[in-house]
Amino acid sequence: FTETNDIFCKLRAFITFTSRTVALSLIMLATYERWIMSS
């Protein structure tokens, strides 16, 4: 339905892109946390 319905399309894109950005950014924060712990 995301291919034919605008509402489902918008929600799917927003949730998928947002969650993926959060996941990658949290791993970036984990590398920052490892850096300060090694100081």
All heavy atoms as atom14 arrays in JSON, in Angstrom:
{
  "sequence": "FTETNDIFCKLRAFITFTSRTVALSLIMLATYERWIMSS",
  "atom14_mask": [
    [1, 1, 1, 1, 1, 1, 1, 1, 1, 1, 1, 0, 0, 0],
    [1, 1, 1, 1, 1, 1, 1, 0, 0, 0, 0, 0, 0, 0],
    [1, 1, 1, 1, 1, 1, 1, 1, 1, 0, 0, 0, 0, 0],
    [1, 1, 1, 1, 1, 1, 1, 0, 0, 0, 0, 0, 0, 0],
    [1, 1, 1, 1, 1, 1, 1, 1, 0, 0, 0, 0, 0, 0],
    [1, 1, 1, 1, 1, 1, 1, 1, 0, 0, 0, 0, 0, 0],
    [1, 1, 1, 1, 1, 1, 1, 1, 0, 0, 0, 0, 0, 0],
    [1, 1, 1, 1, 1, 1, 1, 1, 1, 1, 1, 0, 0, 0],
    [1, 1, 1, 1, 1, 1, 0, 0, 0, 0, 0, 0, 0, 0],
    [1, 1, 1, 1, 1, 1, 1, 1, 1, 0, 0, 0, 0, 0],
    [1, 1, 1, 1, 1, 1, 1, 1, 0, 0, 0, 0, 0, 0],
    [1, 1, 1, 1, 1, 1, 1, 1, 1, 1, 1, 0, 0, 0],
    [1, 1, 1, 1, 1, 0, 0, 0, 0, 0, 0, 0, 0, 0],
    [1, 1, 1, 1, 1, 1, 1, 1, 1, 1, 1, 0, 0, 0],
    [1, 1, 1, 1, 1, 1, 1, 1, 0, 0, 0, 0, 0, 0],
    [1, 1, 1, 1, 1, 1, 1, 0, 0, 0, 0, 0, 0, 0],
    [1, 1, 1, 1, 1, 1, 1, 1, 1, 1, 1, 0, 0, 0],
    [1, 1, 1, 1, 1, 1, 1, 0, 0, 0, 0, 0, 0, 0],
    [1, 1, 1, 1, 1, 1, 0, 0, 0, 0, 0, 0, 0, 0],
    [1, 1, 1, 1, 1, 1, 1, 1, 1, 1, 1, 0, 0, 0],
    [1, 1, 1, 1, 1, 1, 1, 0, 0, 0, 0, 0, 0, 0],
    [1, 1, 1, 1, 1, 1, 1, 0, 0, 0, 0, 0, 0, 0],
    [1, 1, 1, 1, 1, 0, 0, 0, 0, 0, 0, 0, 0, 0],
    [1, 1, 1, 1, 1, 1, 1, 1, 0, 0, 0, 0, 0, 0],
    [1, 1, 1, 1, 1, 1, 0, 0, 0, 0, 0, 0, 0, 0],
    [1, 1, 1, 1, 1, 1, 1, 1, 0, 0, 0, 0, 0, 0],
    [1, 1, 1, 1, 1, 1, 1, 1, 0, 0, 0, 0, 0, 0],
    [1, 1, 1, 1, 1, 1, 1, 1, 0, 0, 0, 0, 0, 0],
    [1, 1, 1, 1, 1, 1, 1, 1, 0, 0, 0, 0, 0, 0],
    [1, 1, 1, 1, 1, 0, 0, 0, 0, 0, 0, 0, 0, 0],
    [1, 1, 1, 1, 1, 1, 1, 0, 0, 0, 0, 0, 0, 0],
    [1, 1, 1, 1, 1, 1, 1, 1, 1, 1, 1, 1, 0, 0],
    [1, 1, 1, 1, 1, 1, 1, 1, 1, 0, 0, 0, 0, 0],
    [1, 1, 1, 1, 1, 1, 1, 1, 1, 1, 1, 0, 0, 0],
    [1, 1, 1, 1, 1, 1, 1, 1, 1, 1, 1, 1, 1, 1],
    [1, 1, 1, 1, 1, 1, 1, 1, 0, 0, 0, 0, 0, 0],
    [1, 1, 1, 1, 1, 1, 1, 1, 0, 0, 0, 0, 0, 0],
    [1, 1, 1, 1, 1, 1, 0, 0, 0, 0, 0, 0, 0, 0],
    [1, 1, 1, 1, 1, 1, 0, 0, 0, 0, 0, 0, 0, 0]
  ],
  "atom14_positions": [
    [[0.82, -1.21, 0.0], [0.0, 0.0, 0.0], [0.86, 1.27, 0.0], [0.35, 2.34, -0.34], [-0.94, 0.01, 1.21], [-1.94, -1.1, 1.19], [-1.85, -2.15, 2.09], [-2.96, -1.12, 0.26], [-2.77, -3.18, 2.07], [-3.9, -2.14, 0.22], [-3.8, -3.18, 1.14], [0.0, 0.0, 0.0], [0.0, 0.0, 0.0], [0.0, 0.0, 0.0]],
    [[2.13, 1.18, 0.39], [2.98, 2.37, 0.39], [3.3, 2.83, -1.03], [3.72, 3.97, -1.22], [4.29, 2.11, 1.14], [5.06, 1.12, 0.45], [4.02, 1.63, 2.55], [0.0, 0.0, 0.0], [0.0, 0.0, 0.0], [0.0, 0.0, 0.0], [0.0, 0.0, 0.0], [0.0, 0.0, 0.0], [0.0, 0.0, 0.0], [0.0, 0.0, 0.0]],
    [[3.12, 1.95, -2.03], [3.37, 2.34, -3.41], [2.2, 3.09, -4.02], [2.35, 3.78, -5.03], [3.69, 1.11, -4.26], [5.02, 0.46, -3.93], [5.34, -0.7, -4.85], [4.41, -1.15, -5.57], [6.49, -1.15, -4.87], [0.0, 0.0, 0.0], [0.0, 0.0, 0.0], [0.0, 0.0, 0.0], [0.0, 0.0, 0.0], [0.0, 0.0, 0.0]],
    [[1.02, 2.94, -3.43], [-0.19, 3.53, -4.04], [-0.9, 4.53, -3.13], [-1.71, 5.32, -3.62], [-1.18, 2.4, -4.39], [-1.47, 1.64, -3.21], [-0.6, 1.48, -5.45], [0.0, 0.0, 0.0], [0.0, 0.0, 0.0], [0.0, 0.0, 0.0], [0.0, 0.0, 0.0], [0.0, 0.0, 0.0], [0.0, 0.0, 0.0], [0.0, 0.0, 0.0]],
    [[-0.6, 4.5, -1.84], [-1.28, 5.39, -0.9], [-0.29, 6.41, -0.35], [0.74, 6.04, 0.22], [-1.88, 4.56, 0.24], [-2.71, 5.41, 1.2], [-2.17, 6.15, 2.01], [-4.03, 5.3, 1.11], [0.0, 0.0, 0.0], [0.0, 0.0, 0.0], [0.0, 0.0, 0.0], [0.0, 0.0, 0.0], [0.0, 0.0, 0.0], [0.0, 0.0, 0.0]],
    [[-0.61, 7.69, -0.51], [0.32, 8.75, -0.1], [0.61, 8.73, 1.4], [1.75, 8.94, 1.82], [-0.25, 10.12, -0.49], [-0.03, 10.43, -1.96], [0.8, 9.75, -2.58], [-0.7, 11.35, -2.47], [0.0, 0.0, 0.0], [0.0, 0.0, 0.0], [0.0, 0.0, 0.0], [0.0, 0.0, 0.0], [0.0, 0.0, 0.0], [0.0, 0.0, 0.0]],
    [[-0.41, 8.49, 2.22], [-0.22, 8.52, 3.67], [0.73, 7.41, 4.11], [1.69, 7.63, 4.86], [-1.57, 8.4, 4.4], [-2.43, 9.63, 4.11], [-1.35, 8.26, 5.91], [-3.82, 9.58, 4.71], [0.0, 0.0, 0.0], [0.0, 0.0, 0.0], [0.0, 0.0, 0.0], [0.0, 0.0, 0.0], [0.0, 0.0, 0.0], [0.0, 0.0, 0.0]],
    [[0.48, 6.19, 3.63], [1.36, 5.07, 3.97], [2.77, 5.3, 3.43], [3.77, 4.96, 4.07], [0.8, 3.76, 3.43], [-0.41, 3.27, 4.17], [-1.54, 2.87, 3.48], [-0.43, 3.21, 5.55], [-2.67, 2.42, 4.15], [-1.55, 2.77, 6.24], [-2.67, 2.37, 5.54], [0.0, 0.0, 0.0], [0.0, 0.0, 0.0], [0.0, 0.0, 0.0]],
    [[2.86, 5.88, 2.25], [4.16, 6.17, 1.64], [4.96, 7.14, 2.51], [6.13, 6.9, 2.81], [3.95, 6.75, 0.25], [5.42, 7.47, -0.51], [0.0, 0.0, 0.0], [0.0, 0.0, 0.0], [0.0, 0.0, 0.0], [0.0, 0.0, 0.0], [0.0, 0.0, 0.0], [0.0, 0.0, 0.0], [0.0, 0.0, 0.0], [0.0, 0.0, 0.0]],
    [[4.31, 8.22, 2.91], [5.0, 9.24, 3.72], [5.43, 8.68, 5.08], [6.56, 8.92, 5.53], [4.07, 10.44, 3.92], [3.72, 11.2, 2.65], [2.67, 12.25, 2.91], [2.17, 12.91, 1.64], [3.19, 13.75, 0.99], [0.0, 0.0, 0.0], [0.0, 0.0, 0.0], [0.0, 0.0, 0.0], [0.0, 0.0, 0.0], [0.0, 0.0, 0.0]],
    [[4.54, 7.92, 5.72], [4.85, 7.37, 7.05], [5.99, 6.35, 6.97], [6.88, 6.34, 7.81], [3.61, 6.72, 7.65], [2.51, 7.69, 8.13], [1.3, 6.91, 8.63], [3.05, 8.6, 9.24], [0.0, 0.0, 0.0], [0.0, 0.0, 0.0], [0.0, 0.0, 0.0], [0.0, 0.0, 0.0], [0.0, 0.0, 0.0], [0.0, 0.0, 0.0]],
    [[5.94, 5.5, 5.95], [7.0, 4.51, 5.81], [8.36, 5.19, 5.61], [9.35, 4.83, 6.26], [6.71, 3.6, 4.62], [7.84, 2.61, 4.34], [7.84, 2.14, 2.9], [8.95, 1.23, 2.64], [9.23, 0.74, 1.47], [8.49, 1.06, 0.42], [10.27, -0.05, 1.29], [0.0, 0.0, 0.0], [0.0, 0.0, 0.0], [0.0, 0.0, 0.0]],
    [[8.42, 6.17, 4.7], [9.68, 6.86, 4.44], [10.19, 7.57, 5.69], [11.37, 7.46, 6.04], [9.49, 7.86, 3.3], [0.0, 0.0, 0.0], [0.0, 0.0, 0.0], [0.0, 0.0, 0.0], [0.0, 0.0, 0.0], [0.0, 0.0, 0.0], [0.0, 0.0, 0.0], [0.0, 0.0, 0.0], [0.0, 0.0, 0.0], [0.0, 0.0, 0.0]],
    [[9.3, 8.27, 6.38], [9.69, 9.02, 7.57], [10.21, 8.09, 8.66], [11.29, 8.34, 9.25], [8.5, 9.83, 8.09], [8.73, 10.49, 9.41], [9.59, 11.57, 9.52], [8.1, 10.03, 10.56], [9.82, 12.18, 10.74], [8.32, 10.62, 11.78], [9.18, 11.7, 11.88], [0.0, 0.0, 0.0], [0.0, 0.0, 0.0], [0.0, 0.0, 0.0]],
    [[9.49, 7.03, 8.95], [9.89, 6.12, 10.03], [11.18, 5.39, 9.68], [12.09, 5.27, 10.51], [8.76, 5.11, 10.33], [7.54, 5.84, 10.9], [9.24, 4.04, 11.31], [6.32, 4.96, 11.04], [0.0, 0.0, 0.0], [0.0, 0.0, 0.0], [0.0, 0.0, 0.0], [0.0, 0.0, 0.0], [0.0, 0.0, 0.0], [0.0, 0.0, 0.0]],
    [[11.28, 4.91, 8.44], [12.47, 4.15, 8.04], [13.72, 5.01, 8.06], [14.76, 4.63, 8.61], [12.27, 3.55, 6.64], [11.1, 2.72, 6.62], [13.47, 2.71, 6.24], [0.0, 0.0, 0.0], [0.0, 0.0, 0.0], [0.0, 0.0, 0.0], [0.0, 0.0, 0.0], [0.0, 0.0, 0.0], [0.0, 0.0, 0.0], [0.0, 0.0, 0.0]],
    [[13.65, 6.2, 7.47], [14.82, 7.07, 7.41], [15.2, 7.57, 8.8], [16.39, 7.65, 9.14], [14.56, 8.26, 6.48], [14.78, 7.96, 5.03], [13.89, 7.18, 4.33], [15.89, 8.44, 4.36], [14.08, 6.88, 2.99], [16.11, 8.17, 3.03], [15.2, 7.38, 2.33], [0.0, 0.0, 0.0], [0.0, 0.0, 0.0], [0.0, 0.0, 0.0]],
    [[14.2, 7.92, 9.6], [14.49, 8.42, 10.95], [15.13, 7.34, 11.81], [16.14, 7.58, 12.48], [13.2, 8.91, 11.62], [12.62, 9.95, 10.83], [13.49, 9.45, 13.01], [0.0, 0.0, 0.0], [0.0, 0.0, 0.0], [0.0, 0.0, 0.0], [0.0, 0.0, 0.0], [0.0, 0.0, 0.0], [0.0, 0.0, 0.0], [0.0, 0.0, 0.0]],
    [[14.57, 6.15, 11.8], [15.11, 5.07, 12.64], [16.51, 4.67, 12.19], [17.38, 4.38, 13.02], [14.18, 3.86, 12.61], [13.97, 3.39, 11.3], [0.0, 0.0, 0.0], [0.0, 0.0, 0.0], [0.0, 0.0, 0.0], [0.0, 0.0, 0.0], [0.0, 0.0, 0.0], [0.0, 0.0, 0.0], [0.0, 0.0, 0.0], [0.0, 0.0, 0.0]],
    [[16.74, 4.66, 10.88], [18.08, 4.32, 10.39], [19.09, 5.38, 10.8], [20.23, 5.05, 11.18], [18.05, 4.16, 8.87], [19.39, 3.71, 8.27], [19.24, 3.46, 6.79], [18.34, 2.35, 6.54], [17.6, 2.23, 5.45], [17.64, 3.17, 4.53], [16.82, 1.19, 5.28], [0.0, 0.0, 0.0], [0.0, 0.0, 0.0], [0.0, 0.0, 0.0]],
    [[18.7, 6.64, 10.73], [19.6, 7.72, 11.15], [19.91, 7.62, 12.64], [21.06, 7.8, 13.06], [18.96, 9.09, 10.84], [18.65, 9.15, 9.45], [19.93, 10.22, 11.19], [0.0, 0.0, 0.0], [0.0, 0.0, 0.0], [0.0, 0.0, 0.0], [0.0, 0.0, 0.0], [0.0, 0.0, 0.0], [0.0, 0.0, 0.0], [0.0, 0.0, 0.0]],
    [[18.89, 7.32, 13.44], [19.09, 7.16, 14.88], [20.05, 6.0, 15.15], [20.97, 6.13, 15.98], [17.74, 6.92, 15.59], [17.95, 6.51, 17.04], [16.88, 8.18, 15.53], [0.0, 0.0, 0.0], [0.0, 0.0, 0.0], [0.0, 0.0, 0.0], [0.0, 0.0, 0.0], [0.0, 0.0, 0.0], [0.0, 0.0, 0.0], [0.0, 0.0, 0.0]],
    [[19.86, 4.88, 14.47], [20.72, 3.71, 14.7], [22.18, 4.01, 14.39], [23.08, 3.7, 15.19], [20.23, 2.53, 13.86], [0.0, 0.0, 0.0], [0.0, 0.0, 0.0], [0.0, 0.0, 0.0], [0.0, 0.0, 0.0], [0.0, 0.0, 0.0], [0.0, 0.0, 0.0], [0.0, 0.0, 0.0], [0.0, 0.0, 0.0], [0.0, 0.0, 0.0]],
    [[22.45, 4.65, 13.26], [23.82, 4.97, 12.88], [24.42, 6.02, 13.82], [25.59, 5.93, 14.2], [23.85, 5.48, 11.44], [23.65, 4.44, 10.35], [23.46, 5.11, 9.0], [24.83, 3.49, 10.29], [0.0, 0.0, 0.0], [0.0, 0.0, 0.0], [0.0, 0.0, 0.0], [0.0, 0.0, 0.0], [0.0, 0.0, 0.0], [0.0, 0.0, 0.0]],
    [[23.62, 7.0, 14.21], [24.12, 8.06, 15.09], [24.45, 7.52, 16.48], [25.41, 7.98, 17.12], [23.08, 9.19, 15.19], [22.83, 9.76, 13.93], [0.0, 0.0, 0.0], [0.0, 0.0, 0.0], [0.0, 0.0, 0.0], [0.0, 0.0, 0.0], [0.0, 0.0, 0.0], [0.0, 0.0, 0.0], [0.0, 0.0, 0.0], [0.0, 0.0, 0.0]],
    [[23.69, 6.54, 16.95], [23.98, 5.96, 18.26], [25.28, 5.16, 18.24], [26.03, 5.16, 19.22], [22.81, 5.06, 18.7], [21.52, 5.8, 19.06], [20.4, 4.81, 19.34], [21.74, 6.71, 20.27], [0.0, 0.0, 0.0], [0.0, 0.0, 0.0], [0.0, 0.0, 0.0], [0.0, 0.0, 0.0], [0.0, 0.0, 0.0], [0.0, 0.0, 0.0]],
    [[25.56, 4.49, 17.13], [26.85, 3.82, 17.01], [27.98, 4.85, 16.97], [29.06, 4.64, 17.54], [26.89, 2.93, 15.75], [25.82, 1.83, 15.86], [28.25, 2.29, 15.56], [25.98, 0.94, 17.08], [0.0, 0.0, 0.0], [0.0, 0.0, 0.0], [0.0, 0.0, 0.0], [0.0, 0.0, 0.0], [0.0, 0.0, 0.0], [0.0, 0.0, 0.0]],
    [[27.72, 5.99, 16.34], [28.71, 7.08, 16.35], [28.94, 7.55, 17.79], [30.09, 7.79, 18.2], [28.22, 8.23, 15.48], [29.17, 9.43, 15.43], [28.49, 10.81, 14.48], [27.15, 11.33, 15.58], [0.0, 0.0, 0.0], [0.0, 0.0, 0.0], [0.0, 0.0, 0.0], [0.0, 0.0, 0.0], [0.0, 0.0, 0.0], [0.0, 0.0, 0.0]],
    [[27.87, 7.69, 18.58], [28.01, 8.07, 19.99], [28.79, 7.01, 20.77], [29.54, 7.35, 21.69], [26.63, 8.29, 20.62], [25.86, 9.54, 20.22], [24.54, 9.6, 20.97], [26.67, 10.8, 20.48], [0.0, 0.0, 0.0], [0.0, 0.0, 0.0], [0.0, 0.0, 0.0], [0.0, 0.0, 0.0], [0.0, 0.0, 0.0], [0.0, 0.0, 0.0]],
    [[28.6, 5.75, 20.4], [29.33, 4.67, 21.08], [30.83, 4.78, 20.8], [31.65, 4.54, 21.7], [28.81, 3.31, 20.63], [0.0, 0.0, 0.0], [0.0, 0.0, 0.0], [0.0, 0.0, 0.0], [0.0, 0.0, 0.0], [0.0, 0.0, 0.0], [0.0, 0.0, 0.0], [0.0, 0.0, 0.0], [0.0, 0.0, 0.0], [0.0, 0.0, 0.0]],
    [[31.21, 5.15, 19.58], [32.64, 5.35, 19.29], [33.18, 6.55, 20.07], [34.33, 6.54, 20.52], [32.87, 5.58, 17.78], [32.13, 6.71, 17.34], [32.45, 4.36, 16.98], [0.0, 0.0, 0.0], [0.0, 0.0, 0.0], [0.0, 0.0, 0.0], [0.0, 0.0, 0.0], [0.0, 0.0, 0.0], [0.0, 0.0, 0.0], [0.0, 0.0, 0.0]],
    [[32.34, 7.59, 20.22], [32.75, 8.74, 21.04], [32.94, 8.32, 22.49], [33.91, 8.72, 23.15], [31.7, 9.85, 20.93], [31.91, 10.99, 21.9], [32.89, 11.96, 21.67], [31.14, 11.09, 23.06], [33.09, 13.0, 22.57], [31.34, 12.12, 23.96], [32.31, 13.07, 23.71], [32.51, 14.09, 24.62], [0.0, 0.0, 0.0], [0.0, 0.0, 0.0]],
    [[32.02, 7.49, 23.0], [32.11, 7.02, 24.38], [33.36, 6.18, 24.59], [34.03, 6.3, 25.62], [30.84, 6.2, 24.7], [30.6, 5.97, 26.17], [31.33, 4.73, 26.67], [31.68, 3.88, 25.84], [31.56, 4.62, 27.89], [0.0, 0.0, 0.0], [0.0, 0.0, 0.0], [0.0, 0.0, 0.0], [0.0, 0.0, 0.0], [0.0, 0.0, 0.0]],
    [[33.71, 5.34, 23.62], [34.95, 4.54, 23.72], [36.18, 5.45, 23.68], [37.19, 5.17, 24.32], [35.02, 3.53, 22.57], [34.05, 2.37, 22.63], [34.29, 1.47, 23.83], [33.56, 1.93, 25.01], [33.79, 1.52, 26.24], [34.77, 0.66, 26.47], [33.08, 1.97, 27.26], [0.0, 0.0, 0.0], [0.0, 0.0, 0.0], [0.0, 0.0, 0.0]],
    [[36.1, 6.53, 22.92], [37.24, 7.45, 22.83], [37.49, 8.14, 24.17], [38.63, 8.18, 24.65], [36.96, 8.5, 21.74], [37.97, 9.62, 21.72], [39.32, 9.49, 21.61], [37.69, 11.02, 21.86], [39.91, 10.75, 21.66], [38.94, 11.69, 21.81], [36.52, 11.77, 22.0], [39.03, 13.08, 21.9], [36.62, 13.15, 22.08], [37.87, 13.78, 22.03]],
    [[36.43, 8.67, 24.79], [36.66, 9.37, 26.06], [37.05, 8.38, 27.17], [37.79, 8.73, 28.08], [35.42, 10.2, 26.49], [34.19, 9.32, 26.69], [35.13, 11.29, 25.48], [32.98, 10.09, 27.2], [0.0, 0.0, 0.0], [0.0, 0.0, 0.0], [0.0, 0.0, 0.0], [0.0, 0.0, 0.0], [0.0, 0.0, 0.0], [0.0, 0.0, 0.0]],
    [[36.57, 7.14, 27.08], [36.95, 6.14, 28.08], [38.41, 5.72, 27.94], [39.02, 5.25, 28.9], [36.05, 4.91, 27.98], [34.7, 5.07, 28.67], [34.87, 5.42, 30.44], [35.63, 3.9, 31.02], [0.0, 0.0, 0.0], [0.0, 0.0, 0.0], [0.0, 0.0, 0.0], [0.0, 0.0, 0.0], [0.0, 0.0, 0.0], [0.0, 0.0, 0.0]],
    [[38.97, 5.87, 26.74], [40.37, 5.51, 26.53], [41.31, 6.66, 26.89], [42.54, 6.49, 26.86], [40.59, 5.11, 25.07], [40.39, 6.23, 24.21], [0.0, 0.0, 0.0], [0.0, 0.0, 0.0], [0.0, 0.0, 0.0], [0.0, 0.0, 0.0], [0.0, 0.0, 0.0], [0.0, 0.0, 0.0], [0.0, 0.0, 0.0], [0.0, 0.0, 0.0]],
    [[40.75, 7.82, 27.24], [41.58, 8.99, 27.54], [42.26, 8.82, 28.9], [41.72, 8.22, 29.84], [40.7, 10.25, 27.55], [41.44, 11.37, 27.99], [0.0, 0.0, 0.0], [0.0, 0.0, 0.0], [0.0, 0.0, 0.0], [0.0, 0.0, 0.0], [0.0, 0.0, 0.0], [0.0, 0.0, 0.0], [0.0, 0.0, 0.0], [0.0, 0.0, 0.0]]
  ]
}
